[in-house]
Protein backbone atom coordinates (compact mmCIF):
# COMPACT_ATOMS: atom_id res chain seq x y z
CA MET A 1 21.05 15.60 -61.41
CA ALA A 2 19.64 18.58 -59.51
CA GLU A 3 16.48 16.59 -58.69
CA SER A 4 18.59 13.73 -57.33
CA LEU A 5 20.49 16.12 -55.05
CA ASP A 6 17.25 17.64 -53.78
CA ASN A 7 15.88 14.20 -52.88
CA HIS A 8 19.09 13.35 -51.08
CA ARG A 9 18.90 16.51 -48.99
CA LEU A 10 15.37 15.65 -47.87
CA GLN A 11 16.36 12.27 -46.39
CA LEU A 12 16.77 12.44 -42.62
CA PRO A 13 19.07 10.04 -40.75
CA THR A 14 17.21 6.96 -39.51
CA GLU A 15 18.26 7.73 -35.93
CA LEU A 16 16.52 11.11 -36.11
CA VAL A 17 13.41 9.63 -37.69
CA ARG A 18 13.34 7.06 -34.88
CA GLU A 19 13.39 9.85 -32.29
CA VAL A 20 10.49 11.55 -34.07
CA VAL A 21 8.44 8.34 -34.05
CA GLN A 22 9.26 7.71 -30.38
CA TYR A 23 8.20 11.24 -29.48
CA TYR A 24 4.96 10.83 -31.42
CA ALA A 25 4.23 7.57 -29.60
CA HIS A 26 4.46 9.30 -26.23
CA VAL A 27 2.42 12.42 -27.04
CA ILE A 28 -0.60 10.68 -28.59
CA GLU A 29 -3.38 9.63 -26.24
CA TRP A 30 -2.99 6.34 -24.38
CA ARG A 31 -5.98 4.60 -22.87
CA ASN A 32 -6.52 4.38 -19.10
CA ALA A 33 -4.01 1.93 -17.62
CA ASP A 34 -6.01 1.61 -14.38
CA ILE A 35 -8.83 -0.28 -16.13
CA PRO A 36 -7.99 -3.99 -16.03
CA ARG A 37 -8.50 -6.55 -18.79
CA GLN A 38 -8.26 -4.09 -21.66
CA SER A 39 -5.32 -2.72 -23.61
CA TYR A 40 -4.04 0.70 -22.59
CA LYS A 41 -1.99 1.14 -25.77
CA PRO A 42 -2.90 3.91 -28.22
CA ARG A 43 -5.35 2.92 -30.94
CA TRP A 44 -3.91 1.30 -34.04
CA SER A 45 -5.59 4.00 -36.13
CA ASP A 46 -3.20 6.54 -34.55
CA TYR A 47 -0.31 4.76 -36.28
CA GLN A 48 -1.84 4.28 -39.72
CA SER A 49 -0.52 7.57 -41.13
CA LEU A 50 3.03 6.52 -40.21
CA ILE A 51 2.55 3.03 -41.61
CA LEU A 52 1.44 4.39 -44.98
CA ALA A 53 3.98 7.21 -45.27
CA SER A 54 7.15 5.30 -46.15
CA LYS A 55 9.00 2.03 -45.71
CA VAL A 56 11.31 3.48 -43.06
CA LEU A 57 8.43 4.97 -41.08
CA ARG A 58 6.50 1.71 -41.37
CA GLN A 59 9.38 -0.24 -39.84
CA LEU A 60 9.90 2.24 -37.00
CA ALA A 61 6.17 2.56 -36.29
CA LEU A 62 5.84 -1.22 -35.97
CA GLU A 63 8.79 -1.34 -33.61
CA THR A 64 7.21 1.36 -31.45
CA TRP A 65 3.74 -0.20 -31.56
CA PHE A 66 5.03 -3.56 -30.39
CA GLU A 67 7.12 -2.18 -27.54
CA VAL A 68 3.99 -3.10 -25.58
CA PHE A 69 2.47 -6.45 -26.51
CA TYR A 70 -1.12 -7.13 -25.40
CA ALA A 71 -2.03 -10.81 -25.07
CA GLN A 72 -5.57 -11.96 -24.35
CA SER A 73 -4.55 -15.61 -23.97
CA SER A 74 -1.40 -17.69 -23.78
CA ASP A 75 -1.98 -18.72 -27.40
CA ASP A 76 -1.21 -15.17 -28.51
CA LEU A 77 2.40 -15.64 -27.41
CA GLN A 78 2.78 -18.57 -29.81
CA ASP A 79 2.11 -16.20 -32.73
CA ALA A 80 4.84 -13.74 -31.74
CA TRP A 81 7.06 -12.54 -34.58
CA PRO A 82 10.81 -13.17 -34.30
CA GLU A 83 11.30 -9.38 -34.19
CA PHE A 84 9.47 -9.20 -30.85
CA SER A 85 12.59 -10.51 -29.11
CA LEU A 86 14.13 -7.11 -29.93
CA TRP A 87 11.08 -4.83 -30.00
CA THR A 88 8.93 -5.78 -27.02
CA ARG A 89 9.84 -4.32 -23.63
CA GLU A 90 6.45 -4.61 -21.93
CA LEU A 91 4.08 -7.59 -21.93
CA HIS A 92 0.44 -7.14 -20.87
CA CYS A 93 -1.36 -10.46 -20.29
CA VAL A 94 -5.02 -11.14 -19.52
CA GLU A 95 -5.57 -14.41 -17.64
CA LEU A 96 -9.26 -15.25 -17.19
CA ASP A 97 -8.81 -18.82 -15.96
CA THR A 98 -9.12 -20.13 -12.41
CA ASP A 99 -6.63 -22.00 -10.22
CA LEU A 100 -9.40 -24.36 -9.09
CA GLU A 101 -8.94 -26.36 -12.28
CA SER A 102 -6.04 -28.76 -12.75
CA ARG A 103 -5.41 -27.78 -16.38
CA PRO A 104 -1.88 -26.26 -16.40
CA VAL A 105 -1.52 -23.67 -19.17
CA GLN A 106 1.92 -22.06 -19.12
CA TRP A 107 2.48 -18.57 -20.50
CA ASN A 108 5.78 -19.09 -22.31
CA LEU A 109 7.74 -15.82 -22.41
CA GLN A 110 10.55 -17.33 -24.50
CA ALA A 111 10.00 -14.95 -27.44
CA PHE A 112 10.47 -11.78 -25.36
CA ARG A 113 14.18 -11.62 -24.62
CA ARG A 114 14.33 -7.89 -23.82
CA LEU A 115 11.35 -7.75 -21.50
CA ASP A 116 11.50 -5.10 -18.77
CA LYS A 117 7.90 -5.09 -17.56
CA LEU A 118 5.17 -7.68 -17.09
CA ARG A 119 1.55 -6.85 -16.29
CA VAL A 120 -0.99 -9.57 -15.52
CA ASP A 121 -4.74 -8.91 -15.25
CA PHE A 122 -6.81 -11.62 -13.56
CA ASP A 123 -10.57 -12.14 -13.34
CA ALA A 124 -11.59 -10.86 -9.90
CA THR A 125 -14.65 -13.14 -9.82
CA LYS A 126 -12.54 -16.32 -9.88
CA SER A 127 -9.99 -17.88 -7.57
CA ASN A 128 -6.74 -17.02 -9.32
CA ALA A 129 -3.81 -16.33 -6.97
CA MET A 130 -1.88 -19.51 -7.81
CA LEU A 131 -2.09 -18.76 -11.53
CA LEU A 132 0.90 -16.49 -11.08
CA MET A 133 3.04 -19.62 -11.35
CA ARG A 134 2.05 -19.81 -15.03
CA PHE A 135 4.22 -16.76 -15.75
CA ASP A 136 7.58 -17.97 -14.42
CA HIS A 137 8.97 -19.57 -17.62
CA PRO A 138 11.64 -19.38 -18.81
CA ARG A 139 13.51 -18.14 -15.77
CA VAL A 140 16.22 -16.48 -17.89
CA VAL A 141 13.55 -14.05 -19.17
CA VAL A 142 11.50 -13.73 -15.97
CA SER A 143 14.54 -12.99 -13.82
CA GLN A 144 15.39 -9.88 -15.87
CA ILE A 145 11.94 -8.27 -15.49
CA LYS A 146 12.25 -5.03 -13.53
CA GLN A 147 8.58 -4.04 -13.18
CA LEU A 148 5.71 -6.35 -12.24
CA GLU A 149 2.06 -5.25 -12.08
CA ILE A 150 -0.72 -7.59 -10.97
CA TYR A 151 -4.39 -6.64 -11.13
CA ASP A 152 -7.31 -8.28 -9.34
CA LEU A 153 -5.75 -11.12 -7.40
CA SER A 154 -8.60 -12.88 -5.65
CA TRP A 155 -6.58 -13.66 -2.52
CA PRO A 156 -3.47 -11.44 -2.05
CA SER A 157 -1.94 -13.48 0.75
CA PRO A 158 1.77 -13.53 1.71
CA MET A 159 2.05 -16.84 -0.17
CA MET A 160 1.51 -14.92 -3.40
CA LEU A 161 4.38 -12.59 -2.45
CA ARG A 162 6.57 -15.64 -1.90
CA LEU A 163 5.85 -16.70 -5.49
CA VAL A 164 6.84 -13.23 -6.66
CA GLY A 165 10.07 -13.30 -4.64
CA ASP A 166 11.03 -16.75 -5.93
CA ALA A 167 10.35 -16.14 -9.63
CA PHE A 168 10.99 -12.43 -10.31
CA SER A 169 14.39 -12.02 -8.72
CA GLY A 170 15.34 -8.86 -10.66
CA LEU A 171 12.36 -6.71 -9.66
CA HIS A 172 12.80 -3.00 -9.02
CA THR A 173 9.11 -2.07 -8.83
CA LEU A 174 6.08 -4.09 -7.73
CA LYS A 175 2.49 -2.87 -8.14
CA LEU A 176 -0.58 -4.73 -6.88
CA ALA A 177 -4.19 -3.64 -7.37
CA GLN A 178 -7.12 -5.65 -5.99
CA ASP A 179 -10.27 -5.39 -3.87
CA LEU A 180 -8.99 -7.19 -0.76
CA VAL A 181 -6.10 -6.47 1.56
CA TRP A 182 -4.10 -8.73 3.89
CA CYS A 183 -4.66 -8.06 7.59
CA SER A 184 -1.59 -8.90 9.67
CA LEU A 185 -3.67 -9.11 12.85
CA CYS A 186 -6.15 -11.82 11.88
CA ASN A 187 -3.97 -13.18 9.02
CA ILE A 188 -6.70 -13.23 6.43
CA CYS A 189 -7.66 -11.18 3.37
CA ARG A 190 -10.38 -8.65 4.15
CA PHE A 191 -12.30 -5.84 2.48
CA ALA A 192 -11.15 -2.56 4.05
CA THR A 193 -13.76 -0.27 5.60
CA PHE A 194 -13.12 3.17 7.04
CA LYS A 195 -15.00 5.80 9.02
CA ASP A 196 -14.39 8.37 6.27
CA HIS A 197 -12.70 8.50 2.90
CA PRO A 198 -8.97 7.77 3.11
CA PRO A 199 -6.45 10.12 1.51
CA GLU A 200 -5.74 9.56 -2.17
CA GLU A 201 -2.36 8.12 -1.29
CA ILE A 202 -0.33 7.14 1.77
CA VAL A 203 3.43 7.11 1.27
CA TYR A 204 5.91 5.41 3.62
CA GLU A 205 9.60 6.23 3.27
CA LYS A 206 10.97 6.13 6.81
CA VAL A 207 9.22 2.88 7.79
CA VAL A 208 8.64 -0.25 5.71
CA GLY A 209 4.88 0.28 5.44
CA LEU A 210 4.05 -3.30 4.39
CA PRO A 211 2.13 -6.09 6.11
CA GLN A 212 4.64 -8.07 8.15
CA TYR A 213 4.69 -11.24 6.06
CA TYR A 214 4.73 -9.27 2.81
CA ALA A 215 7.99 -7.72 3.97
CA VAL A 216 9.40 -11.11 4.96
CA ASN A 217 8.53 -12.80 1.66
CA LEU A 218 9.94 -9.95 -0.43
CA MET A 219 13.23 -9.88 1.45
CA SER A 220 15.04 -11.85 -1.27
CA LEU A 221 14.40 -9.10 -3.83
CA THR A 222 17.60 -7.18 -3.24
CA ARG A 223 16.93 -4.56 -5.94
CA LEU A 224 13.29 -3.86 -5.11
CA HIS A 225 12.96 -0.15 -4.31
CA THR A 226 9.25 0.65 -4.77
CA VAL A 227 6.03 -1.17 -3.85
CA GLN A 228 2.60 0.23 -4.67
CA LEU A 229 -0.60 -1.36 -3.36
CA THR A 230 -4.01 -0.22 -4.59
CA VAL A 231 -6.88 -1.68 -2.54
CA GLY A 232 -10.64 -1.40 -2.52
CA TYR A 233 -12.47 0.19 0.38
CA GLY A 234 -15.92 1.04 1.65
CA LEU A 235 -17.36 3.30 4.33
CA GLY A 236 -19.09 2.31 7.56
CA GLY A 237 -16.06 1.34 9.63
CA THR A 238 -14.62 2.96 12.75
CA THR A 239 -11.05 3.50 11.53
CA SER A 240 -9.88 6.79 10.05
CA LEU A 241 -6.66 7.31 8.11
CA CYS A 242 -6.84 11.08 8.51
CA PRO A 243 -4.46 11.39 10.27
CA ASN A 244 -2.61 8.09 9.89
CA ASP A 245 -1.25 7.90 13.42
CA ASP A 246 -1.49 4.10 13.54
CA ILE A 247 0.79 3.63 10.47
CA TRP A 248 -1.92 1.63 8.70
CA THR A 249 -0.59 -1.29 6.66
CA GLY A 250 -3.76 -3.20 5.81
CA GLU A 251 -5.21 -4.03 9.23
CA CYS A 252 -8.95 -4.67 9.01
CA ASP A 253 -11.41 -2.42 10.84
CA ALA A 254 -12.71 -5.25 13.02
CA CYS A 255 -9.26 -6.12 14.40
CA MET A 256 -8.30 -2.53 15.05
CA ASP A 257 -11.61 -1.76 16.72
CA MET A 258 -11.40 -4.79 19.01
CA MET A 259 -7.69 -5.16 19.79
CA PHE A 260 -6.71 -1.51 20.02
CA ALA A 261 -9.62 -0.63 22.28
CA THR A 262 -9.72 -3.64 24.60
CA TRP A 263 -6.13 -4.87 24.98
CA LEU A 264 -4.18 -2.55 27.22
CA GLY A 265 -0.91 -1.47 25.62
CA PHE A 266 -1.45 -3.52 22.46
CA LYS A 267 -1.82 -0.52 20.14
CA SER A 268 1.48 1.10 21.10
CA GLU A 269 3.25 -2.26 21.01
CA TRP A 270 1.88 -3.04 17.53
CA ILE A 271 2.86 0.37 16.16
CA GLY A 272 6.32 -0.04 17.67
CA LYS A 273 6.78 -3.36 15.87
CA LYS A 274 5.83 -1.80 12.55
CA LYS A 275 8.38 0.97 13.03
CA LEU A 276 11.12 -1.65 13.53
CA LEU A 277 10.03 -3.99 10.72
CA GLN A 278 12.79 -4.84 8.27
CA GLY A 279 12.06 -4.98 4.54
CA PRO A 280 13.95 -5.67 1.30
CA PRO A 281 17.41 -4.08 1.53
CA SER A 282 16.89 -1.54 -1.30
CA LEU A 283 13.29 -0.61 -0.47
CA LYS A 284 12.83 3.17 -0.48
CA CYS A 285 9.11 3.76 -0.87
CA VAL A 286 5.79 2.01 -0.21
CA ARG A 287 2.63 3.63 -1.59
CA TRP A 288 -0.92 2.73 -0.62
CA ARG A 289 -3.70 3.91 -2.94
CA PHE A 290 -7.44 3.43 -2.58
CA ARG A 291 -10.39 2.87 -4.88
CA GLN A 292 -13.91 3.01 -3.47
CA ARG A 293 -15.99 -0.08 -4.13
CA ASP A 294 -19.50 -1.23 -3.33
CA ALA A 295 -19.07 -3.92 -0.69
CA ALA A 296 -21.97 -5.88 -2.21
CA GLU A 297 -19.98 -6.27 -5.44
CA VAL A 298 -16.75 -7.43 -3.80
CA ILE A 299 -16.18 -11.17 -3.68
CA THR A 300 -14.56 -12.06 -0.37
CA ASP A 301 -14.95 -15.84 -0.43
CA ILE A 302 -14.87 -17.88 -3.65
CA VAL A 303 -16.47 -21.31 -3.36
CA ASP A 304 -14.88 -24.19 -5.21
CA GLU A 305 -17.80 -25.76 -7.08
CA SER A 306 -15.72 -28.89 -7.64
CA ASP A 307 -16.22 -29.68 -3.95
CA GLU A 308 -19.93 -30.12 -4.57
CA VAL A 309 -19.78 -33.63 -6.04
CA ASP A 310 -21.54 -36.83 -5.14
CA ASP A 311 -19.89 -39.10 -2.62
CA PRO A 312 -18.43 -42.06 -4.57
CA THR A 313 -19.81 -44.42 -1.94
CA GLY A 314 -23.36 -43.26 -2.65
CA GLN A 315 -23.75 -41.84 0.85
CA THR A 316 -25.61 -38.56 1.35
CA GLU A 317 -25.53 -36.15 4.26
CA ASP A 318 -28.92 -37.45 5.32
CA ASP A 319 -27.62 -41.02 5.71
CA ASP A 320 -26.97 -41.89 9.33
CA ASP A 321 -25.03 -45.11 9.62
CA GLY A 322 -22.80 -44.12 12.48
CA ASP A 323 -19.78 -43.15 10.28
CA ASP A 324 -18.07 -39.83 10.94
CA ASP A 325 -16.39 -39.66 7.49
CA ASP A 326 -17.91 -37.35 5.39
CA ALA A 327 -9.92 -17.03 -15.00
CA GLY A 328 -8.36 -4.25 -26.96
CA ASP A 329 -6.49 -4.52 -29.31
CA ASP A 330 -4.49 -7.67 -29.98
CA GLY A 331 -0.76 -7.13 -29.73
């Protein structure tokens, strides 16, 4: 009888044990989240002691482990346990395909009913921007996502932001990280070059701080309050962001060097427009961050190899007949 009472006294309430497990999950070491295409979750070995300790701890450790689900292909989502609809709050997907192929592979998020955050890592060596449309199903799940992170888009044009605005209507935070940046002067994606190293971070709170058409295409996101853009850069340009008197929002060095220097009054007019630019109604902060890259390793123009096919008529470019027609740990 005395032994039974002693055992009873040693049993902690499940709610308290859950808090202990949650605390443990946040104090153990997580892997670097800034490295794309690999899981940033703690190692499974860090949870093994909890898994083996007791049935209650095993259940709570699994719930905590699967709060972040790491998927290396869309097939991984088909193997999701029914419990994931309650456990998983963050989905980290690695998409290594290319949008130059016509094979539509949808990432079905049906099993993740309590999803708050979606992160998608693309392959920077492949054309991939339109693949974002593979993550918009079902809309009842996608529309409730509050945080969206996208790594290594090959072509971060305003069209991509339109896809984000159309599909992820409940966003509060948007983070983009890629090598190229959209220049609102020449309306093309460029690799940023500067005269000297930029500051670690530029923060805009009193002005929108986004490329013009980014701001326009995100306008429908009424709850969006934070945008963070991490872009690659190299040295050898003429532009300096120390100080940031021009309110830099992605303009390429070539455009700034030519237009600001040669067109009388253009610089002040352009800066004035950026100060008056309207953004999403709840936007409070835009952060620009920078990662130095070797320009020789940055892909600025991806060639579609499917264009290099034989003419079905048998004609070659040398023929002259007068015609003018010519894409860790699992879980």
